[in-house]
């Protein structure tokens, strides 16, 4: 018997993050493991350029971490950390045919309803240069429930379909 038994809920979140890492890698993302508040983060990054975006490069940053419980405060803190971290990593000149989109996700067996509502209520814009769509991923026994804002945004709206397609791929 190990001296520190793991909780099944923590195992489910860790298993989800391991699978997320594989999905990001399979989709061609560069994947790293930065730390946030002494927690492991699965971070993925990719850049796409499409003719229908008038040649604009869309950089997508994905950050996910497991926590014991997701509430609005911790989701807001993680979203702020992820957007600032993405801003420090992004390439090119902000606004000069470059857009940055961020998917900050917290994974837990316990997601408070108000946190899921906060994630689904709207996108968050930082300095008119990054659009974040926070996610909650509840790894409850027998089901995984994901909450994300699926509507459009004024800034970066032409990338809505792309970012939601990638969110659905990465966070099924």
Protein backbone atom coordinates (compact mmCIF):
# COMPACT_ATOMS: atom_id res chain seq x y z
CA UNK A 1 0.00 0.00 0.00
CA UNK A 2 1.36 3.43 -0.89
CA UNK A 3 1.83 5.99 1.89
CA UNK A 4 -0.36 8.50 0.01
CA UNK A 5 -3.42 6.85 -1.49
CA UNK A 6 -4.90 8.74 -4.42
CA UNK A 7 -8.51 9.73 -4.65
CA UNK A 8 -10.53 8.30 -7.56
CA UNK A 9 -11.63 11.86 -8.40
CA UNK A 10 -8.01 13.04 -8.72
CA UNK A 11 -7.22 9.98 -10.84
CA UNK A 12 -10.10 10.79 -13.21
CA UNK A 13 -8.85 14.36 -13.68
CA UNK A 14 -5.27 13.18 -14.24
CA UNK A 15 -6.48 10.58 -16.74
CA UNK A 16 -8.41 13.32 -18.55
CA UNK A 17 -5.28 15.52 -18.71
CA UNK A 18 -3.22 12.61 -20.08
CA UNK A 19 -5.82 12.06 -22.81
CA UNK A 20 -5.90 15.82 -23.52
CA UNK A 21 -2.12 15.78 -23.98
CA UNK A 22 -2.52 13.01 -26.57
CA UNK A 23 -5.34 14.86 -28.41
CA UNK A 24 -3.25 18.06 -28.58
CA UNK A 25 -0.22 16.16 -29.86
CA UNK A 26 -2.30 14.27 -32.44
CA UNK A 27 -3.64 17.60 -33.75
CA UNK A 28 -0.15 18.99 -34.28
CA UNK A 29 0.12 21.21 -31.21
CA UNK A 30 3.42 21.83 -29.50
CA UNK A 31 2.79 20.60 -25.94
CA UNK A 32 4.60 21.75 -22.80
CA UNK A 33 4.05 21.48 -19.04
CA UNK A 34 4.36 24.85 -17.27
CA UNK A 35 3.37 25.22 -13.62
CA UNK A 36 0.54 27.27 -12.15
CA UNK A 37 0.28 27.55 -8.36
CA UNK A 38 2.48 24.45 -8.04
CA UNK A 39 0.09 22.50 -10.24
CA UNK A 40 0.89 20.67 -13.46
CA UNK A 41 -0.55 22.34 -16.55
CA UNK A 42 -0.96 20.71 -19.94
CA UNK A 43 -0.27 23.50 -22.44
CA UNK A 44 -0.71 23.25 -26.18
CA UNK A 45 0.00 25.78 -28.90
CA UNK A 46 -0.66 25.88 -32.63
CA UNK A 47 -0.88 28.54 -35.32
CA UNK A 48 -3.13 28.46 -38.38
CA UNK A 49 -3.49 30.81 -41.33
CA UNK A 50 -6.50 30.61 -43.64
CA UNK A 51 -7.50 32.45 -46.79
CA UNK A 52 -11.00 33.03 -45.40
CA UNK A 53 -9.36 34.91 -42.51
CA UNK A 54 -7.72 37.21 -45.07
CA UNK A 55 -4.33 35.68 -44.32
CA UNK A 56 -4.49 36.42 -40.60
CA UNK A 57 -2.55 34.03 -38.39
CA UNK A 58 -4.62 32.63 -35.53
CA UNK A 59 -2.57 31.35 -32.62
CA UNK A 60 -4.43 28.98 -30.33
CA UNK A 61 -3.21 28.38 -26.79
CA UNK A 62 -4.71 25.62 -24.64
CA UNK A 63 -4.05 25.41 -20.90
CA UNK A 64 -5.56 22.77 -18.61
CA UNK A 65 -4.97 21.86 -15.00
CA UNK A 66 -6.63 19.60 -12.44
CA UNK A 67 -7.88 21.13 -9.20
CA UNK A 68 -9.82 19.66 -6.25
CA UNK A 69 -12.81 21.95 -6.94
CA UNK A 70 -13.61 24.58 -9.56
CA UNK A 71 -15.28 27.77 -8.36
CA UNK A 72 -15.54 31.19 -10.02
CA UNK A 73 -12.55 32.63 -8.13
CA UNK A 74 -10.11 29.87 -9.10
CA UNK A 75 -11.40 29.78 -12.69
CA UNK A 76 -10.98 33.55 -12.96
CA UNK A 77 -7.47 33.33 -11.52
CA UNK A 78 -6.50 30.54 -13.91
CA UNK A 79 -8.01 32.40 -16.88
CA UNK A 80 -6.00 35.53 -16.01
CA UNK A 81 -2.81 33.49 -15.62
CA UNK A 82 -3.40 31.65 -18.92
CA UNK A 83 -4.10 34.82 -20.93
CA UNK A 84 -1.04 36.60 -19.56
CA UNK A 85 1.11 33.51 -20.13
CA UNK A 86 -0.18 33.20 -23.71
CA UNK A 87 0.52 36.89 -24.29
CA UNK A 88 4.14 36.34 -23.25
CA UNK A 89 4.47 33.41 -25.71
CA UNK A 90 2.68 34.70 -28.78
CA UNK A 91 4.58 35.46 -31.94
CA UNK A 92 4.25 38.34 -34.35
CA UNK A 93 2.91 41.81 -33.79
CA UNK A 94 -0.43 41.86 -31.93
CA UNK A 95 -3.18 43.12 -34.20
CA UNK A 96 -1.02 43.04 -37.34
CA UNK A 97 -2.78 40.12 -38.99
CA UNK A 98 -2.25 38.08 -35.84
CA UNK A 99 -4.94 36.90 -33.45
CA UNK A 100 -4.49 34.96 -30.22
CA UNK A 101 -7.17 32.67 -28.84
CA UNK A 102 -6.91 31.03 -25.42
CA UNK A 103 -8.73 28.00 -24.01
CA UNK A 104 -8.03 27.90 -20.24
CA UNK A 105 -9.63 24.78 -18.72
CA UNK A 106 -9.89 23.56 -15.16
CA UNK A 107 -10.63 19.88 -14.67
CA UNK A 108 -12.19 18.46 -11.51
CA UNK A 109 -14.73 15.98 -10.20
CA UNK A 110 -16.32 18.95 -8.41
CA UNK A 111 -17.35 21.92 -10.53
CA UNK A 112 -19.56 24.44 -8.77
CA UNK A 113 -22.60 25.37 -10.88
CA UNK A 114 -21.77 29.10 -10.78
CA UNK A 115 -18.29 28.35 -12.23
CA UNK A 116 -19.81 26.40 -15.11
CA UNK A 117 -22.26 29.26 -15.72
CA UNK A 118 -19.41 31.82 -15.60
CA UNK A 119 -17.45 29.84 -18.20
CA UNK A 120 -20.49 29.53 -20.47
CA UNK A 121 -21.61 33.16 -20.12
CA UNK A 122 -19.10 34.99 -22.34
CA UNK A 123 -15.59 35.15 -23.74
CA UNK A 124 -13.00 37.30 -21.99
CA UNK A 125 -10.90 39.82 -23.94
CA UNK A 126 -7.49 41.03 -22.75
CA UNK A 127 -6.07 44.23 -24.20
CA UNK A 128 -7.97 43.71 -27.48
CA UNK A 129 -5.22 41.24 -28.40
CA UNK A 130 -6.39 37.97 -26.84
CA UNK A 131 -9.76 36.27 -26.64
CA UNK A 132 -10.13 33.65 -23.90
CA UNK A 133 -12.93 31.11 -23.66
CA UNK A 134 -12.63 29.56 -20.18
CA UNK A 135 -13.81 25.99 -19.75
CA UNK A 136 -14.83 23.81 -16.87
CA UNK A 137 -14.49 20.06 -17.27
CA UNK A 138 -16.31 18.00 -14.69
CA UNK A 139 -15.00 14.45 -14.51
CA UNK A 140 -17.89 13.01 -12.52
CA UNK A 141 -18.22 9.23 -12.37
CA UNK A 142 -19.80 7.98 -15.57
CA UNK A 143 -19.87 11.32 -17.41
CA UNK A 144 -17.71 14.23 -18.43
CA UNK A 145 -19.44 17.62 -18.62
CA UNK A 146 -17.78 20.58 -20.34
CA UNK A 147 -18.93 24.20 -20.07
CA UNK A 148 -17.70 26.85 -22.54
CA UNK A 149 -19.11 29.98 -24.15
CA UNK A 150 -20.27 28.95 -27.63
CA UNK A 151 -21.45 32.34 -28.87
CA UNK A 152 -19.74 34.90 -31.04
CA UNK A 153 -17.55 37.82 -30.03
CA UNK A 154 -17.08 41.26 -31.56
CA UNK A 155 -13.28 41.08 -31.61
CA UNK A 156 -11.96 37.90 -33.21
CA UNK A 157 -15.42 36.81 -34.31
CA UNK A 158 -14.22 35.36 -37.60
CA UNK A 159 -12.29 32.76 -35.58
CA UNK A 160 -15.30 31.57 -33.54
CA UNK A 161 -15.93 28.48 -35.65
CA UNK A 162 -12.26 27.50 -35.59
CA UNK A 163 -11.82 27.86 -31.83
CA UNK A 164 -15.07 26.02 -31.07
CA UNK A 165 -14.09 23.22 -33.46
CA UNK A 166 -10.75 22.85 -31.67
CA UNK A 167 -12.42 23.05 -28.24
CA UNK A 168 -14.77 20.22 -29.22
CA UNK A 169 -11.80 18.15 -30.44
CA UNK A 170 -9.66 18.75 -27.35
CA UNK A 171 -12.41 18.72 -24.70
CA UNK A 172 -14.99 16.11 -25.77
